[in-house]
Amino acid sequence: MLSFTQYKWWYGIIAILALMMACAQNPSAERRPADKAENTSEEQLYKQAQDYLDNKFYDLAIQVLQNLLLRFPYGAYSEQVQLELIYAYYLNSNREKAIEIAERFIRYYPNHADVDYVYYVKALSLYSEGQGLLSRIFRVNASQRNVTQLYQCFREFGELLEKFPDSIYVPDAHARMKRLRYLLAEHEMAVAEHYFVQKAYIATINRGNYVLEYFPGSPFIPAALDIMIRAYLKIGMTNLAVDTWRVFDKNYPQHKQHDTLAQLIRKARAAT
């Protein structure tokens, strides 16, 4: 049996080992003092920030980058630090801050060689901010969705494509816009159907036209034509219903609604 003194000795050893393990698992505790040293050079701070980013210590990277901007606002790394700060905030899920700094950078450095990257990360931050919405979007009635942020994100990616058509970020922007276009067109069609059920036929037609104008090539074009035809017939505008039917008939002869709409048009013509 161990004596009381031996127990104290072993408990001391265990406490020391636990402390060493805690320090090993929290490297930021060892590194933080060096970041605050007043004699640390701009280059040393920048390398430290890079090290934190590479190791995914985003909070610490942000602290060092902010310190860099405060101590060396016109330093050799000033513009690059702002780019890194945008990226760090984005990776740290602080999208609002990433967008804020990106907008400021665009305002002050509109001709910077990497400004296309800033536009891209800004749009990406909005896209990521909308992931909560995107994850819930199919659990909410489509006509009731708030898609303001999705529209804003779509415009931001569109601005990137317009201003920097040769940017390396264009392919990814195209892919994300395609996804957004689908969701937005789906939303507009759901609203059109909601209006139709409420017998708001002019509003239904306006929504259908919106889909035709702003989402050409989307899989919701046949549905937009379909609901417009039915809405025109409901308010007695047979000529416009027939004109819309001709477009539907020419482009979607195999559509599942084709025969039903053809019958409705025949009845409307016979009644006039």
C-alpha atoms as a PDB file:
ATOM      1  CA  MET A   1       0.000   0.000   0.000  1.00  0.00           C
ATOM      2  CA  LEU A   2       1.260   3.470  -0.933  1.00  0.00           C
ATOM      3  CA  SER A   3       1.974   5.939   1.830  1.00  0.00           C
ATOM      4  CA  PHE A   4       0.378   9.391   1.967  1.00  0.00           C
ATOM      5  CA  THR A   5       3.642  10.963   0.740  1.00  0.00           C
ATOM      6  CA  GLN A   6       3.773   8.582  -2.225  1.00  0.00           C
ATOM      7  CA  TYR A   7       0.174   9.413  -3.116  1.00  0.00           C
ATOM      8  CA  LYS A   8       1.039  13.128  -3.135  1.00  0.00           C
ATOM      9  CA  TRP A   9       4.030  12.446  -5.374  1.00  0.00           C
ATOM     10  CA  TRP A  10       1.952  10.501  -7.915  1.00  0.00           C
ATOM     11  CA  TYR A  11      -0.838  13.114  -7.933  1.00  0.00           C
ATOM     12  CA  GLY A  12       1.784  15.790  -8.616  1.00  0.00           C
ATOM     13  CA  ILE A  13       3.147  13.849 -11.593  1.00  0.00           C
ATOM     14  CA  ILE A  14      -0.367  13.359 -13.005  1.00  0.00           C
ATOM     15  CA  ALA A  15      -1.178  17.079 -12.658  1.00  0.00           C
ATOM     16  CA  ILE A  16       2.013  18.054 -14.512  1.00  0.00           C
ATOM     17  CA  LEU A  17       1.278  15.598 -17.342  1.00  0.00           C
ATOM     18  CA  ALA A  18      -2.281  16.908 -17.649  1.00  0.00           C
ATOM     19  CA  LEU A  19      -1.004  20.474 -17.908  1.00  0.00           C
ATOM     20  CA  MET A  20       1.513  19.510 -20.594  1.00  0.00           C
ATOM     21  CA  MET A  21      -1.182  17.749 -22.616  1.00  0.00           C
ATOM     22  CA  ALA A  22      -3.473  20.780 -22.391  1.00  0.00           C
ATOM     23  CA  CYS A  23      -0.734  23.045 -23.724  1.00  0.00           C
ATOM     24  CA  ALA A  24       0.013  20.630 -26.554  1.00  0.00           C
ATOM     25  CA  GLN A  25      -3.643  20.581 -27.579  1.00  0.00           C
ATOM     26  CA  ASN A  26      -3.921  24.378 -27.479  1.00  0.00           C
ATOM     27  CA  PRO A  27      -0.985  25.724 -29.479  1.00  0.00           C
ATOM     28  CA  SER A  28      -2.598  29.147 -29.540  1.00  0.00           C
ATOM     29  CA  ALA A  29      -1.816  29.477 -25.838  1.00  0.00           C
ATOM     30  CA  GLU A  30       1.893  29.220 -26.623  1.00  0.00           C
ATOM     31  CA  ARG A  31       1.817  31.391 -29.709  1.00  0.00           C
ATOM     32  CA  ARG A  32      -0.371  34.302 -28.697  1.00  0.00           C
ATOM     33  CA  PRO A  33       2.262  36.346 -26.758  1.00  0.00           C
ATOM     34  CA  ALA A  34       4.560  36.548 -29.799  1.00  0.00           C
ATOM     35  CA  ASP A  35       1.741  38.110 -31.843  1.00  0.00           C
ATOM     36  CA  LYS A  36       1.433  41.014 -29.415  1.00  0.00           C
ATOM     37  CA  ALA A  37       5.128  41.791 -29.120  1.00  0.00           C
ATOM     38  CA  GLU A  38       5.729  45.413 -30.068  1.00  0.00           C
ATOM     39  CA  ASN A  39       9.082  44.661 -31.676  1.00  0.00           C
ATOM     40  CA  THR A  40       7.639  42.021 -34.011  1.00  0.00           C
ATOM     41  CA  SER A  41       8.210  43.102 -37.611  1.00  0.00           C
ATOM     42  CA  GLU A  42       5.534  43.392 -40.266  1.00  0.00           C
ATOM     43  CA  GLU A  43       6.960  40.408 -42.129  1.00  0.00           C
ATOM     44  CA  GLN A  44       7.039  38.275 -38.974  1.00  0.00           C
ATOM     45  CA  LEU A  45       3.425  39.105 -38.174  1.00  0.00           C
ATOM     46  CA  TYR A  46       2.344  38.320 -41.718  1.00  0.00           C
ATOM     47  CA  LYS A  47       4.100  34.955 -41.625  1.00  0.00           C
ATOM     48  CA  GLN A  48       2.502  34.244 -38.246  1.00  0.00           C
ATOM     49  CA  ALA A  49      -0.934  35.000 -39.696  1.00  0.00           C
ATOM     50  CA  GLN A  50      -0.194  32.691 -42.627  1.00  0.00           C
ATOM     51  CA  ASP A  51       0.795  29.966 -40.205  1.00  0.00           C
ATOM     52  CA  TYR A  52      -2.478  30.344 -38.310  1.00  0.00           C
ATOM     53  CA  LEU A  53      -4.489  30.242 -41.537  1.00  0.00           C
ATOM     54  CA  ASP A  54      -2.646  27.157 -42.765  1.00  0.00           C
ATOM     55  CA  ASN A  55      -3.409  25.419 -39.472  1.00  0.00           C
ATOM     56  CA  LYS A  56      -7.062  26.609 -39.437  1.00  0.00           C
ATOM     57  CA  PHE A  57      -6.664  28.789 -36.350  1.00  0.00           C
ATOM     58  CA  TYR A  58      -8.908  31.411 -37.917  1.00  0.00           C
ATOM     59  CA  ASP A  59      -9.621  33.413 -34.758  1.00  0.00           C
ATOM     60  CA  LEU A  60      -5.906  33.855 -34.135  1.00  0.00           C
ATOM     61  CA  ALA A  61      -5.225  34.660 -37.785  1.00  0.00           C
ATOM     62  CA  ILE A  62      -7.852  37.403 -37.659  1.00  0.00           C
ATOM     63  CA  GLN A  63      -6.289  38.856 -34.500  1.00  0.00           C
ATOM     64  CA  VAL A  64      -2.839  38.996 -36.073  1.00  0.00           C
ATOM     65  CA  LEU A  65      -4.118  40.434 -39.356  1.00  0.00           C
ATOM     66  CA  GLN A  66      -6.043  43.143 -37.517  1.00  0.00           C
ATOM     67  CA  ASN A  67      -2.931  43.903 -35.492  1.00  0.00           C
ATOM     68  CA  LEU A  68      -0.978  44.177 -38.726  1.00  0.00           C
ATOM     69  CA  LEU A  69      -3.407  46.740 -40.131  1.00  0.00           C
ATOM     70  CA  LEU A  70      -3.285  48.768 -36.938  1.00  0.00           C
ATOM     71  CA  ARG A  71       0.498  48.810 -36.682  1.00  0.00           C
ATOM     72  CA  PHE A  72       1.322  49.001 -40.405  1.00  0.00           C
ATOM     73  CA  PRO A  73      -1.666  50.657 -42.156  1.00  0.00           C
ATOM     74  CA  TYR A  74       0.514  51.649 -45.117  1.00  0.00           C
ATOM     75  CA  GLY A  75       2.981  48.782 -44.935  1.00  0.00           C
ATOM     76  CA  ALA A  76       4.225  46.561 -47.719  1.00  0.00           C
ATOM     77  CA  TYR A  77       1.653  43.912 -46.846  1.00  0.00           C
ATOM     78  CA  SER A  78      -1.313  46.263 -46.285  1.00  0.00           C
ATOM     79  CA  GLU A  79      -3.402  45.308 -49.320  1.00  0.00           C
ATOM     80  CA  GLN A  80      -2.552  41.613 -49.048  1.00  0.00           C
ATOM     81  CA  VAL A  81      -3.460  41.645 -45.361  1.00  0.00           C
ATOM     82  CA  GLN A  82      -6.927  42.940 -46.235  1.00  0.00           C
ATOM     83  CA  LEU A  83      -7.351  40.148 -48.776  1.00  0.00           C
ATOM     84  CA  GLU A  84      -6.290  37.592 -46.182  1.00  0.00           C
ATOM     85  CA  LEU A  85      -8.645  39.140 -43.644  1.00  0.00           C
ATOM     86  CA  ILE A  86     -11.611  38.776 -46.005  1.00  0.00           C
ATOM     87  CA  TYR A  87     -10.691  35.133 -46.505  1.00  0.00           C
ATOM     88  CA  ALA A  88     -10.159  34.511 -42.790  1.00  0.00           C
ATOM     89  CA  TYR A  89     -13.539  35.979 -41.848  1.00  0.00           C
ATOM     90  CA  TYR A  90     -15.191  33.898 -44.565  1.00  0.00           C
ATOM     91  CA  LEU A  91     -13.548  30.694 -43.318  1.00  0.00           C
ATOM     92  CA  ASN A  92     -14.441  31.596 -39.746  1.00  0.00           C
ATOM     93  CA  SER A  93     -18.129  31.813 -40.750  1.00  0.00           C
ATOM     94  CA  ASN A  94     -18.303  35.552 -40.078  1.00  0.00           C
ATOM     95  CA  ARG A  95     -19.805  36.262 -43.485  1.00  0.00           C
ATOM     96  CA  GLU A  96     -21.102  39.735 -42.639  1.00  0.00           C
ATOM     97  CA  LYS A  97     -17.623  40.929 -41.695  1.00  0.00           C
ATOM     98  CA  ALA A  98     -16.135  39.342 -44.814  1.00  0.00           C
ATOM     99  CA  ILE A  99     -18.684  41.194 -46.956  1.00  0.00           C
ATOM    100  CA  GLU A 100     -18.051  44.478 -45.123  1.00  0.00           C
ATOM    101  CA  ILE A 101     -14.275  44.348 -45.686  1.00  0.00           C
ATOM    102  CA  ALA A 102     -14.735  43.149 -49.276  1.00  0.00           C
ATOM    103  CA  GLU A 103     -16.962  46.131 -50.082  1.00  0.00           C
ATOM    104  CA  ARG A 104     -14.455  48.506 -48.517  1.00  0.00           C
ATOM    105  CA  PHE A 105     -11.597  46.936 -50.500  1.00  0.00           C
ATOM    106  CA  ILE A 106     -13.550  47.272 -53.755  1.00  0.00           C
ATOM    107  CA  ARG A 107     -14.250  50.912 -52.931  1.00  0.00           C
ATOM    108  CA  TYR A 108     -10.599  51.781 -52.246  1.00  0.00           C
ATOM    109  CA  TYR A 109      -8.859  49.439 -54.720  1.00  0.00           C
ATOM    110  CA  PRO A 110     -11.203  49.032 -57.718  1.00  0.00           C
ATOM    111  CA  ASN A 111      -8.290  48.348 -60.072  1.00  0.00           C
ATOM    112  CA  HIS A 112      -6.356  45.945 -57.862  1.00  0.00           C
ATOM    113  CA  ALA A 113      -5.011  42.875 -59.664  1.00  0.00           C
ATOM    114  CA  ASP A 114      -6.970  40.573 -57.328  1.00  0.00           C
ATOM    115  CA  VAL A 115     -10.191  42.552 -57.083  1.00  0.00           C
ATOM    116  CA  ASP A 116     -12.023  39.789 -58.984  1.00  0.00           C
ATOM    117  CA  TYR A 117     -11.173  37.519 -56.060  1.00  0.00           C
ATOM    118  CA  VAL A 118     -12.778  40.033 -53.693  1.00  0.00           C
ATOM    119  CA  TYR A 119     -15.970  40.110 -55.772  1.00  0.00           C
ATOM    120  CA  TYR A 120     -15.968  36.316 -55.747  1.00  0.00           C
ATOM    121  CA  VAL A 121     -15.522  35.938 -51.983  1.00  0.00           C
ATOM    122  CA  LYS A 122     -18.175  38.595 -51.393  1.00  0.00           C
ATOM    123  CA  ALA A 123     -20.672  36.663 -53.518  1.00  0.00           C
ATOM    124  CA  LEU A 124     -19.552  33.405 -51.955  1.00  0.00           C
ATOM    125  CA  SER A 125     -20.155  34.844 -48.498  1.00  0.00           C
ATOM    126  CA  LEU A 126     -23.715  35.722 -49.463  1.00  0.00           C
ATOM    127  CA  TYR A 127     -24.152  32.252 -50.939  1.00  0.00           C
ATOM    128  CA  SER A 128     -22.849  30.661 -47.762  1.00  0.00           C
ATOM    129  CA  GLU A 129     -25.014  32.956 -45.640  1.00  0.00           C
ATOM    130  CA  GLY A 130     -27.941  31.561 -47.592  1.00  0.00           C
ATOM    131  CA  GLN A 131     -27.046  27.959 -46.895  1.00  0.00           C
ATOM    132  CA  GLY A 132     -29.360  28.011 -43.878  1.00  0.00           C
ATOM    133  CA  LEU A 133     -32.112  29.134 -46.197  1.00  0.00           C
ATOM    134  CA  LEU A 134     -31.104  26.612 -48.837  1.00  0.00           C
ATOM    135  CA  SER A 135     -31.157  23.803 -46.285  1.00  0.00           C
ATOM    136  CA  ARG A 136     -34.686  24.742 -45.195  1.00  0.00           C
ATOM    137  CA  ILE A 137     -36.019  25.798 -48.561  1.00  0.00           C
ATOM    138  CA  PHE A 138     -37.836  22.574 -49.347  1.00  0.00           C
ATOM    139  CA  ARG A 139     -39.447  22.450 -45.908  1.00  0.00           C
ATOM    140  CA  VAL A 140     -41.281  25.748 -46.495  1.00  0.00           C
ATOM    141  CA  ASN A 141     -44.127  26.446 -48.910  1.00  0.00           C
ATOM    142  CA  ALA A 142     -42.311  27.847 -51.940  1.00  0.00           C
ATOM    143  CA  SER A 143     -44.718  30.778 -52.250  1.00  0.00           C
ATOM    144  CA  GLN A 144     -43.830  31.849 -48.699  1.00  0.00           C
ATOM    145  CA  ARG A 145     -40.053  31.801 -49.006  1.00  0.00           C
ATOM    146  CA  ASN A 146     -38.055  34.960 -48.480  1.00  0.00           C
ATOM    147  CA  VAL A 147     -35.624  34.822 -51.380  1.00  0.00           C
ATOM    148  CA  THR A 148     -34.260  38.372 -51.137  1.00  0.00           C
ATOM    149  CA  GLN A 149     -30.810  37.118 -50.172  1.00  0.00           C
ATOM    150  CA  LEU A 150     -30.774  34.594 -52.993  1.00  0.00           C
ATOM    151  CA  TYR A 151     -31.548  37.350 -55.495  1.00  0.00           C
ATOM    152  CA  GLN A 152     -28.773  39.501 -54.015  1.00  0.00           C
ATOM    153  CA  CYS A 153     -26.337  36.615 -54.263  1.00  0.00           C
ATOM    154  CA  PHE A 154     -27.383  35.970 -57.867  1.00  0.00           C
ATOM    155  CA  ARG A 155     -26.716  39.635 -58.730  1.00  0.00           C
ATOM    156  CA  GLU A 156     -23.296  39.559 -57.056  1.00  0.00           C
ATOM    157  CA  PHE A 157     -22.167  36.532 -59.073  1.00  0.00           C
ATOM    158  CA  GLY A 158     -23.609  38.201 -62.178  1.00  0.00           C
ATOM    159  CA  GLU A 159     -21.536  41.319 -61.499  1.00  0.00           C
ATOM    160  CA  LEU A 160     -18.407  39.170 -61.254  1.00  0.00           C
ATOM    161  CA  LEU A 161     -19.168  37.587 -64.643  1.00  0.00           C
ATOM    162  CA  GLU A 162     -19.874  40.948 -66.240  1.00  0.00           C
ATOM    163  CA  LYS A 163     -16.783  42.740 -64.949  1.00  0.00           C
ATOM    164  CA  PHE A 164     -14.306  39.856 -65.097  1.00  0.00           C
ATOM    165  CA  PRO A 165     -15.379  37.425 -67.850  1.00  0.00           C
ATOM    166  CA  ASP A 166     -11.884  35.912 -67.967  1.00  0.00           C
ATOM    167  CA  SER A 167     -11.504  35.431 -64.211  1.00  0.00           C
ATOM    168  CA  ILE A 168     -10.552  32.000 -62.912  1.00  0.00           C
ATOM    169  CA  TYR A 169     -13.602  32.203 -60.637  1.00  0.00           C
ATOM    170  CA  VAL A 170     -16.088  32.384 -63.522  1.00  0.00           C
ATOM    171  CA  PRO A 171     -16.726  28.606 -63.849  1.00  0.00           C
ATOM    172  CA  ASP A 172     -17.645  28.238 -60.193  1.00  0.00           C
ATOM    173  CA  ALA A 173     -19.764  31.389 -60.332  1.00  0.00           C
ATOM    174  CA  HIS A 174     -21.633  29.946 -63.322  1.00  0.00           C
ATOM    175  CA  ALA A 175     -22.326  26.712 -61.448  1.00  0.00           C
ATOM    176  CA  ARG A 176     -23.645  28.515 -58.383  1.00  0.00           C
ATOM    177  CA  MET A 177     -25.802  30.831 -60.481  1.00  0.00           C
ATOM    178  CA  LYS A 178     -27.339  27.831 -62.192  1.00  0.00           C
ATOM    179  CA  ARG A 179     -28.380  26.439 -58.810  1.00  0.00           C
ATOM    180  CA  LEU A 180     -29.710  29.824 -57.708  1.00  0.00           C
ATOM    181  CA  ARG A 181     -31.596  30.276 -60.991  1.00  0.00           C
ATOM    182  CA  TYR A 182     -33.395  26.989 -60.419  1.00  0.00           C
ATOM    183  CA  LEU A 183     -34.433  27.916 -56.876  1.00  0.00           C
ATOM    184  CA  LEU A 184     -35.572  31.399 -57.852  1.00  0.00           C
ATOM    185  CA  ALA A 185     -37.590  30.185 -60.849  1.00  0.00           C
ATOM    186  CA  GLU A 186     -39.183  27.525 -58.665  1.00  0.00           C
ATOM    187  CA  HIS A 187     -40.134  30.209 -56.157  1.00  0.00           C
ATOM    188  CA  GLU A 188     -41.695  32.451 -58.799  1.00  0.00           C
ATOM    189  CA  MET A 189     -43.731  29.565 -60.187  1.00  0.00           C
ATOM    190  CA  ALA A 190     -44.957  28.625 -56.719  1.00  0.00           C
ATOM    191  CA  VAL A 191     -46.107  32.217 -56.213  1.00  0.00           C
ATOM    192  CA  ALA A 192     -47.867  32.148 -59.592  1.00  0.00           C
ATOM    193  CA  GLU A 193     -49.704  28.955 -58.607  1.00  0.00           C
ATOM    194  CA  HIS A 194     -50.641  30.519 -55.273  1.00  0.00           C
ATOM    195  CA  TYR A 195     -52.136  33.532 -57.077  1.00  0.00           C
ATOM    196  CA  PHE A 196     -54.025  31.246 -59.467  1.00  0.00           C
ATOM    197  CA  VAL A 197     -55.645  29.385 -56.571  1.00  0.00           C
ATOM    198  CA  GLN A 198     -56.587  32.772 -55.065  1.00  0.00           C
ATOM    199  CA  LYS A 199     -58.126  33.742 -58.429  1.00  0.00           C
ATOM    200  CA  ALA A 200     -55.660  36.623 -58.820  1.00  0.00           C
ATOM    201  CA  TYR A 201     -55.223  35.913 -62.513  1.00  0.00           C
ATOM    202  CA  ILE A 202     -53.463  39.123 -63.574  1.00  0.00           C
ATOM    203  CA  ALA A 203     -50.863  38.569 -60.831  1.00  0.00           C
ATOM    204  CA  THR A 204     -50.556  34.963 -62.039  1.00  0.00           C
ATOM    205  CA  ILE A 205     -49.838  36.119 -65.589  1.00  0.00           C
ATOM    206  CA  ASN A 206     -47.290  38.661 -64.397  1.00  0.00           C
ATOM    207  CA  ARG A 207     -45.391  35.992 -62.449  1.00  0.00           C
ATOM    208  CA  GLY A 208     -45.439  33.655 -65.425  1.00  0.00           C
ATOM    209  CA  ASN A 209     -44.084  36.403 -67.658  1.00  0.00           C
ATOM    210  CA  TYR A 210     -41.365  37.092 -65.100  1.00  0.00           C
ATOM    211  CA  VAL A 211     -40.190  33.477 -65.315  1.00  0.00           C
ATOM    212  CA  LEU A 212     -40.172  33.633 -69.130  1.00  0.00           C
ATOM    213  CA  GLU A 213     -38.175  36.864 -69.155  1.00  0.00           C
ATOM    214  CA  TYR A 214     -35.639  36.298 -66.391  1.00  0.00           C
ATOM    215  CA  PHE A 215     -35.217  32.517 -66.295  1.00  0.00           C
ATOM    216  CA  PRO A 216     -35.076  31.435 -69.950  1.00  0.00           C
ATOM    217  CA  GLY A 217     -34.009  27.845 -70.378  1.00  0.00           C
ATOM    218  CA  SER A 218     -35.093  26.855 -66.883  1.00  0.00           C
ATOM    219  CA  PRO A 219     -37.163  23.671 -66.440  1.00  0.00           C
ATOM    220  CA  PHE A 220     -40.077  25.847 -65.247  1.00  0.00           C
ATOM    221  CA  ILE A 221     -40.745  27.493 -68.632  1.00  0.00           C
ATOM    222  CA  PRO A 222     -43.437  24.929 -69.647  1.00  0.00           C
ATOM    223  CA  ALA A 223     -45.181  25.415 -66.295  1.00  0.00           C
ATOM    224  CA  ALA A 224     -45.072  29.204 -66.748  1.00  0.00           C
ATOM    225  CA  LEU A 225     -46.688  28.958 -70.202  1.00  0.00           C
ATOM    226  CA  ASP A 226     -49.248  26.465 -68.878  1.00  0.00           C
ATOM    227  CA  ILE A 227     -50.435  28.649 -66.014  1.00  0.00           C
ATOM    228  CA  MET A 228     -50.503  31.750 -68.205  1.00  0.00           C
ATOM    229  CA  ILE A 229     -52.752  29.994 -70.733  1.00  0.00           C
ATOM    230  CA  ARG A 230     -55.161  28.936 -68.003  1.00  0.00           C
ATOM    231  CA  ALA A 231     -55.141  32.413 -66.426  1.00  0.00           C
ATOM    232  CA  TYR A 232     -55.829  34.109 -69.770  1.00  0.00           C
ATOM    233  CA  LEU A 233     -58.781  31.776 -70.333  1.00  0.00           C
ATOM    234  CA  LYS A 234     -60.136  32.520 -66.850  1.00  0.00           C
ATOM    235  CA  ILE A 235     -60.352  36.252 -67.588  1.00  0.00           C
ATOM    236  CA  GLY A 236     -61.679  35.766 -71.118  1.00  0.00           C
ATOM    237  CA  MET A 237     -58.528  36.829 -72.986  1.00  0.00           C
ATOM    238  CA  THR A 238     -58.793  34.013 -75.509  1.00  0.00           C
ATOM    239  CA  ASN A 239     -56.548  35.587 -78.150  1.00  0.00           C
ATOM    240  CA  LEU A 240     -53.635  35.874 -75.711  1.00  0.00           C
ATOM    241  CA  ALA A 241     -54.305  32.354 -74.463  1.00  0.00           C
ATOM    242  CA  VAL A 242     -54.128  31.080 -78.055  1.00  0.00           C
ATOM    243  CA  ASP A 243     -50.899  33.007 -78.746  1.00  0.00           C
ATOM    244  CA  THR A 244     -49.304  31.536 -75.603  1.00  0.00           C
ATOM    245  CA  TRP A 245     -50.603  28.091 -76.557  1.00  0.00           C
ATOM    246  CA  ARG A 246     -48.861  28.300 -79.942  1.00  0.00           C
ATOM    247  CA  VAL A 247     -45.545  28.864 -78.167  1.00  0.00           C
ATOM    248  CA  PHE A 248     -46.226  25.912 -75.878  1.00  0.00           C
ATOM    249  CA  ASP A 249     -47.369  23.662 -78.737  1.00  0.00           C
ATOM    250  CA  LYS A 250     -44.281  24.438 -80.842  1.00  0.00           C
ATOM    251  CA  ASN A 251     -41.707  23.952 -78.090  1.00  0.00           C
ATOM    252  CA  TYR A 252     -43.245  21.283 -75.854  1.00  0.00           C
ATOM    253  CA  PRO A 253     -45.376  18.949 -78.007  1.00  0.00           C
ATOM    254  CA  GLN A 254     -44.534  15.963 -75.771  1.00  0.00           C
ATOM    255  CA  HIS A 255     -45.270  17.698 -72.479  1.00  0.00           C
ATOM    256  CA  LYS A 256     -47.706  15.938 -70.151  1.00  0.00           C
ATOM    257  CA  GLN A 257     -49.990  19.004 -70.126  1.00  0.00           C
ATOM    258  CA  HIS A 258     -50.044  19.335 -73.924  1.00  0.00           C
ATOM    259  CA  ASP A 259     -53.280  17.463 -74.603  1.00  0.00           C
ATOM    260  CA  THR A 260     -55.108  19.021 -71.667  1.00  0.00           C
ATOM    261  CA  LEU A 261     -54.205  22.531 -72.806  1.00  0.00           C
ATOM    262  CA  ALA A 262     -55.106  21.700 -76.418  1.00  0.00           C
ATOM    263  CA  GLN A 263     -58.582  20.664 -75.280  1.00  0.00           C
ATOM    264  CA  LEU A 264     -59.011  23.878 -73.249  1.00  0.00           C
ATOM    265  CA  ILE A 265     -58.028  25.974 -76.281  1.00  0.00           C
ATOM    266  CA  ARG A 266     -60.458  24.111 -78.543  1.00  0.00           C
ATOM    267  CA  LYS A 267     -63.317  24.728 -76.089  1.00  0.00           C
ATOM    268  CA  ALA A 268     -62.407  28.414 -75.789  1.00  0.00           C
ATOM    269  CA  ARG A 269     -62.343  28.856 -79.540  1.00  0.00           C
ATOM    270  CA  ALA A 270     -65.657  27.087 -79.935  1.00  0.00           C
ATOM    271  CA  ALA A 271     -67.231  29.367 -77.342  1.00  0.00           C
ATOM    272  CA  THR A 272     -66.207  32.556 -79.170  1.00  0.00           C
END
